[in-house]
Amino acid sequence: MIKHSVRVNGLSALVLTKIDVLSNYDSIPVGVGYELDGKRLQYFPSQGLERVKVIYENFPGWKSDIKGINKFENLPEKCKSYITALRKMIEIPIQIISTGPDREDTIIMN
């Protein structure tokens, strides 16, 4: 769905917010595609949504508090891997990552 939004809205970068709320999960499912009537699609379908099945890829959770981290290199390895995988999937940069509720809890990517 994000790739569809990127395409139709002409987005050049994204902001990833509230990633800290994922800190307690063992596994984080991410929709990576769709299946319609048994056929795999690489795009968001515009028709037949009642028959669409989302295909998920599960990423390991990092199980540690990341609130307040403001440098990408200080994130847990599994969190960095998750963000890197998202960047590759959506094919545009993630320029800002929010790791908590305060303004300082922000990573600005170069």
N, C-alpha and C. Protein backbone atom coordinates (compact mmCIF):
# COMPACT_ATOMS: atom_id res chain seq x y z
N MET A 1 0.83 -1.18 0.00
CA MET A 1 0.00 0.00 0.00
C MET A 1 0.88 1.26 0.00
N ILE A 2 2.00 1.20 0.72
CA ILE A 2 2.89 2.37 0.75
C ILE A 2 3.48 2.62 -0.64
N LYS A 3 3.88 1.55 -1.32
CA LYS A 3 4.43 1.72 -2.67
C LYS A 3 3.40 2.36 -3.59
N HIS A 4 2.14 2.01 -3.43
CA HIS A 4 1.06 2.62 -4.20
C HIS A 4 0.98 4.12 -3.88
N SER A 5 1.02 4.46 -2.60
CA SER A 5 0.97 5.87 -2.19
C SER A 5 2.16 6.65 -2.72
N VAL A 6 3.33 6.04 -2.68
CA VAL A 6 4.53 6.69 -3.22
C VAL A 6 4.33 7.02 -4.69
N ARG A 7 3.82 6.04 -5.43
CA ARG A 7 3.63 6.22 -6.88
C ARG A 7 2.58 7.29 -7.20
N VAL A 8 1.41 7.20 -6.59
CA VAL A 8 0.33 8.12 -6.97
C VAL A 8 0.51 9.52 -6.41
N ASN A 9 1.28 9.66 -5.32
CA ASN A 9 1.48 10.98 -4.72
C ASN A 9 2.83 11.60 -5.05
N GLY A 10 3.68 10.87 -5.75
CA GLY A 10 4.99 11.40 -6.13
C GLY A 10 5.90 11.66 -4.94
N LEU A 11 5.83 10.82 -3.93
CA LEU A 11 6.65 11.02 -2.74
C LEU A 11 8.12 10.75 -3.04
N SER A 12 9.00 11.53 -2.41
CA SER A 12 10.43 11.33 -2.61
C SER A 12 11.12 10.83 -1.35
N ALA A 13 10.44 10.86 -0.21
CA ALA A 13 10.99 10.36 1.05
C ALA A 13 9.84 10.17 2.04
N LEU A 14 10.10 9.39 3.10
CA LEU A 14 9.10 9.14 4.13
C LEU A 14 9.64 9.47 5.51
N VAL A 15 8.71 9.66 6.43
CA VAL A 15 9.01 9.80 7.85
C VAL A 15 8.40 8.58 8.53
N LEU A 16 9.21 7.89 9.31
CA LEU A 16 8.76 6.70 10.04
C LEU A 16 8.54 7.11 11.49
N THR A 17 7.28 7.10 11.92
CA THR A 17 6.96 7.53 13.28
C THR A 17 6.52 6.35 14.13
N LYS A 18 6.60 6.56 15.44
CA LYS A 18 6.09 5.61 16.44
C LYS A 18 6.73 4.23 16.35
N ILE A 19 7.97 4.15 15.85
CA ILE A 19 8.63 2.85 15.75
C ILE A 19 8.91 2.28 17.14
N ASP A 20 8.94 3.14 18.15
CA ASP A 20 9.18 2.68 19.52
C ASP A 20 8.06 1.77 20.02
N VAL A 21 6.86 1.89 19.48
CA VAL A 21 5.75 1.04 19.95
C VAL A 21 5.92 -0.41 19.48
N LEU A 22 6.85 -0.66 18.58
CA LEU A 22 7.11 -2.02 18.11
C LEU A 22 8.16 -2.74 18.97
N SER A 23 8.71 -2.06 19.94
CA SER A 23 9.84 -2.59 20.71
C SER A 23 9.54 -3.86 21.50
N ASN A 24 8.30 -4.16 21.80
CA ASN A 24 7.98 -5.32 22.64
C ASN A 24 7.51 -6.54 21.86
N TYR A 25 7.49 -6.46 20.56
CA TYR A 25 6.99 -7.57 19.75
C TYR A 25 8.08 -8.59 19.45
N ASP A 26 7.70 -9.86 19.46
CA ASP A 26 8.62 -10.93 19.09
C ASP A 26 8.83 -10.95 17.57
N SER A 27 7.76 -10.63 16.84
CA SER A 27 7.78 -10.67 15.39
C SER A 27 6.92 -9.52 14.87
N ILE A 28 7.36 -8.93 13.75
CA ILE A 28 6.64 -7.79 13.18
C ILE A 28 6.26 -8.15 11.74
N PRO A 29 4.96 -8.37 11.49
CA PRO A 29 4.54 -8.71 10.13
C PRO A 29 4.45 -7.45 9.26
N VAL A 30 4.93 -7.58 8.03
CA VAL A 30 4.87 -6.49 7.06
C VAL A 30 4.24 -7.02 5.78
N GLY A 31 3.21 -6.33 5.30
CA GLY A 31 2.58 -6.71 4.04
C GLY A 31 3.54 -6.44 2.89
N VAL A 32 3.88 -7.49 2.13
CA VAL A 32 4.86 -7.34 1.05
C VAL A 32 4.26 -7.58 -0.33
N GLY A 33 2.99 -7.94 -0.38
CA GLY A 33 2.36 -8.19 -1.66
C GLY A 33 0.91 -8.57 -1.47
N TYR A 34 0.29 -8.89 -2.57
CA TYR A 34 -1.13 -9.24 -2.55
C TYR A 34 -1.36 -10.46 -3.43
N GLU A 35 -2.40 -11.19 -3.10
CA GLU A 35 -2.82 -12.32 -3.91
C GLU A 35 -4.30 -12.12 -4.23
N LEU A 36 -4.64 -12.25 -5.49
CA LEU A 36 -6.02 -12.09 -5.93
C LEU A 36 -6.38 -13.31 -6.77
N ASP A 37 -7.37 -14.06 -6.30
CA ASP A 37 -7.82 -15.27 -7.00
C ASP A 37 -6.67 -16.23 -7.29
N GLY A 38 -5.77 -16.37 -6.31
CA GLY A 38 -4.65 -17.30 -6.44
C GLY A 38 -3.46 -16.79 -7.21
N LYS A 39 -3.52 -15.56 -7.71
CA LYS A 39 -2.42 -14.98 -8.49
C LYS A 39 -1.73 -13.89 -7.66
N ARG A 40 -0.40 -13.99 -7.54
CA ARG A 40 0.35 -13.00 -6.77
C ARG A 40 0.50 -11.70 -7.56
N LEU A 41 0.23 -10.59 -6.88
CA LEU A 41 0.34 -9.26 -7.47
C LEU A 41 1.47 -8.49 -6.78
N GLN A 42 2.14 -7.65 -7.49
CA GLN A 42 3.19 -6.81 -6.91
C GLN A 42 2.71 -5.36 -6.76
N TYR A 43 1.43 -5.15 -6.95
CA TYR A 43 0.87 -3.81 -6.87
C TYR A 43 -0.43 -3.89 -6.07
N PHE A 44 -0.90 -2.74 -5.62
CA PHE A 44 -2.16 -2.69 -4.89
C PHE A 44 -3.30 -2.77 -5.89
N PRO A 45 -4.17 -3.77 -5.78
CA PRO A 45 -5.25 -3.93 -6.76
C PRO A 45 -6.33 -2.87 -6.59
N SER A 46 -6.90 -2.45 -7.70
CA SER A 46 -7.95 -1.43 -7.65
C SER A 46 -9.35 -2.04 -7.65
N GLN A 47 -9.44 -3.33 -7.92
CA GLN A 47 -10.74 -4.00 -7.94
C GLN A 47 -10.63 -5.36 -7.25
N GLY A 48 -11.76 -5.88 -6.84
CA GLY A 48 -11.80 -7.20 -6.23
C GLY A 48 -11.22 -7.24 -4.83
N LEU A 49 -11.24 -6.12 -4.13
CA LEU A 49 -10.60 -6.05 -2.81
C LEU A 49 -11.15 -7.06 -1.81
N GLU A 50 -12.41 -7.43 -1.97
CA GLU A 50 -13.00 -8.41 -1.04
C GLU A 50 -12.37 -9.80 -1.22
N ARG A 51 -11.67 -10.03 -2.34
CA ARG A 51 -11.03 -11.31 -2.60
C ARG A 51 -9.50 -11.26 -2.43
N VAL A 52 -9.00 -10.12 -2.04
CA VAL A 52 -7.56 -9.93 -1.93
C VAL A 52 -7.05 -10.50 -0.60
N LYS A 53 -5.95 -11.22 -0.70
CA LYS A 53 -5.26 -11.74 0.48
C LYS A 53 -3.91 -11.03 0.56
N VAL A 54 -3.58 -10.49 1.74
CA VAL A 54 -2.30 -9.82 1.93
C VAL A 54 -1.24 -10.89 2.21
N ILE A 55 -0.08 -10.74 1.59
CA ILE A 55 1.05 -11.64 1.82
C ILE A 55 2.00 -10.93 2.79
N TYR A 56 2.32 -11.60 3.88
CA TYR A 56 3.16 -10.99 4.91
C TYR A 56 4.54 -11.63 4.96
N GLU A 57 5.52 -10.80 5.31
CA GLU A 57 6.85 -11.27 5.68
C GLU A 57 7.05 -10.86 7.14
N ASN A 58 7.51 -11.79 7.95
CA ASN A 58 7.72 -11.50 9.37
C ASN A 58 9.17 -11.14 9.64
N PHE A 59 9.35 -10.06 10.40
CA PHE A 59 10.67 -9.62 10.80
C PHE A 59 10.82 -9.82 12.30
N PRO A 60 12.00 -10.20 12.75
CA PRO A 60 12.18 -10.40 14.19
C PRO A 60 12.12 -9.07 14.94
N GLY A 61 11.45 -9.10 16.10
CA GLY A 61 11.41 -7.91 16.94
C GLY A 61 12.73 -7.71 17.64
N TRP A 62 12.96 -6.51 18.16
CA TRP A 62 14.24 -6.22 18.80
C TRP A 62 14.16 -6.27 20.32
N LYS A 63 12.95 -6.32 20.86
CA LYS A 63 12.71 -6.55 22.29
C LYS A 63 13.60 -5.69 23.22
N SER A 64 13.80 -4.44 22.85
CA SER A 64 14.49 -3.50 23.74
C SER A 64 13.96 -2.09 23.50
N ASP A 65 13.98 -1.29 24.54
CA ASP A 65 13.44 0.06 24.48
C ASP A 65 14.34 0.95 23.63
N ILE A 66 13.77 1.60 22.64
CA ILE A 66 14.55 2.49 21.77
C ILE A 66 14.20 3.96 21.98
N LYS A 67 13.32 4.25 22.93
CA LYS A 67 12.94 5.64 23.18
C LYS A 67 14.17 6.48 23.48
N GLY A 68 14.24 7.61 22.80
CA GLY A 68 15.33 8.54 23.04
C GLY A 68 16.54 8.35 22.16
N ILE A 69 16.60 7.27 21.42
CA ILE A 69 17.75 7.08 20.52
C ILE A 69 17.65 8.07 19.38
N ASN A 70 18.74 8.78 19.11
CA ASN A 70 18.71 9.78 18.05
C ASN A 70 19.81 9.60 17.01
N LYS A 71 20.42 8.41 17.00
CA LYS A 71 21.40 8.06 15.96
C LYS A 71 21.09 6.66 15.46
N PHE A 72 21.02 6.52 14.15
CA PHE A 72 20.68 5.22 13.55
C PHE A 72 21.60 4.12 14.05
N GLU A 73 22.90 4.41 14.13
CA GLU A 73 23.86 3.37 14.52
C GLU A 73 23.65 2.88 15.95
N ASN A 74 22.92 3.63 16.77
CA ASN A 74 22.67 3.22 18.16
C ASN A 74 21.42 2.34 18.31
N LEU A 75 20.66 2.16 17.25
CA LEU A 75 19.49 1.29 17.30
C LEU A 75 19.93 -0.17 17.40
N PRO A 76 19.11 -1.04 17.99
CA PRO A 76 19.42 -2.47 17.98
C PRO A 76 19.55 -2.99 16.55
N GLU A 77 20.39 -4.00 16.35
CA GLU A 77 20.63 -4.54 15.00
C GLU A 77 19.34 -4.97 14.31
N LYS A 78 18.44 -5.62 15.04
CA LYS A 78 17.20 -6.08 14.42
C LYS A 78 16.30 -4.92 14.00
N CYS A 79 16.35 -3.83 14.74
CA CYS A 79 15.59 -2.63 14.38
C CYS A 79 16.18 -2.00 13.12
N LYS A 80 17.50 -1.92 13.06
CA LYS A 80 18.16 -1.38 11.87
C LYS A 80 17.85 -2.24 10.64
N SER A 81 17.85 -3.55 10.82
CA SER A 81 17.54 -4.45 9.71
C SER A 81 16.11 -4.25 9.22
N TYR A 82 15.18 -4.06 10.16
CA TYR A 82 13.78 -3.81 9.83
C TYR A 82 13.64 -2.53 9.00
N ILE A 83 14.26 -1.46 9.45
CA ILE A 83 14.19 -0.18 8.75
C ILE A 83 14.84 -0.28 7.38
N THR A 84 15.98 -0.94 7.30
CA THR A 84 16.67 -1.12 6.02
C THR A 84 15.81 -1.91 5.04
N ALA A 85 15.14 -2.95 5.53
CA ALA A 85 14.25 -3.74 4.68
C ALA A 85 13.08 -2.89 4.19
N LEU A 86 12.51 -2.07 5.07
CA LEU A 86 11.41 -1.18 4.65
C LEU A 86 11.88 -0.24 3.54
N ARG A 87 13.07 0.34 3.72
CA ARG A 87 13.61 1.26 2.71
C ARG A 87 13.73 0.56 1.35
N LYS A 88 14.23 -0.67 1.35
CA LYS A 88 14.38 -1.40 0.09
C LYS A 88 13.02 -1.70 -0.54
N MET A 89 12.04 -2.04 0.29
CA MET A 89 10.71 -2.38 -0.22
C MET A 89 10.01 -1.18 -0.85
N ILE A 90 10.10 -0.02 -0.21
CA ILE A 90 9.35 1.14 -0.69
C ILE A 90 10.12 1.93 -1.76
N GLU A 91 11.43 1.66 -1.87
CA GLU A 91 12.26 2.21 -2.93
C GLU A 91 12.42 3.72 -2.89
N ILE A 92 12.20 4.32 -1.72
CA ILE A 92 12.54 5.72 -1.49
C ILE A 92 13.15 5.82 -0.09
N PRO A 93 13.90 6.88 0.19
CA PRO A 93 14.53 6.99 1.50
C PRO A 93 13.53 7.22 2.63
N ILE A 94 13.90 6.75 3.80
CA ILE A 94 13.23 7.13 5.04
C ILE A 94 14.16 8.18 5.65
N GLN A 95 13.73 9.44 5.66
CA GLN A 95 14.63 10.52 6.07
C GLN A 95 14.56 10.85 7.55
N ILE A 96 13.43 10.58 8.17
CA ILE A 96 13.28 10.89 9.60
C ILE A 96 12.66 9.68 10.28
N ILE A 97 13.20 9.32 11.45
CA ILE A 97 12.68 8.21 12.23
C ILE A 97 12.42 8.71 13.64
N SER A 98 11.18 8.58 14.09
CA SER A 98 10.79 8.99 15.43
C SER A 98 10.90 7.79 16.36
N THR A 99 11.67 7.92 17.44
CA THR A 99 11.88 6.81 18.37
C THR A 99 11.20 7.04 19.72
N GLY A 100 10.40 8.07 19.83
CA GLY A 100 9.70 8.35 21.08
C GLY A 100 8.87 9.60 20.97
N PRO A 101 8.20 9.98 22.06
CA PRO A 101 7.27 11.10 22.02
C PRO A 101 7.90 12.49 22.04
N ASP A 102 9.14 12.60 22.45
CA ASP A 102 9.78 13.92 22.54
C ASP A 102 10.44 14.31 21.24
N ARG A 103 10.57 15.61 21.02
CA ARG A 103 11.19 16.11 19.79
C ARG A 103 12.61 15.59 19.61
N GLU A 104 13.30 15.41 20.72
CA GLU A 104 14.69 14.95 20.67
C GLU A 104 14.80 13.47 20.29
N ASP A 105 13.68 12.75 20.37
CA ASP A 105 13.67 11.32 20.06
C ASP A 105 13.53 11.13 18.55
N THR A 106 14.44 11.71 17.80
CA THR A 106 14.32 11.75 16.35
C THR A 106 15.67 11.47 15.71
N ILE A 107 15.65 10.62 14.70
CA ILE A 107 16.84 10.34 13.92
C ILE A 107 16.66 11.01 12.56
N ILE A 108 17.61 11.84 12.18
CA ILE A 108 17.61 12.47 10.86
C ILE A 108 18.64 11.72 10.02
N MET A 109 18.15 11.07 8.97
CA MET A 109 19.03 10.27 8.11
C MET A 109 19.65 11.18 7.04
N ASN A 110 20.88 10.87 6.69
CA ASN A 110 21.57 11.64 5.65
C ASN A 110 21.37 11.01 4.31
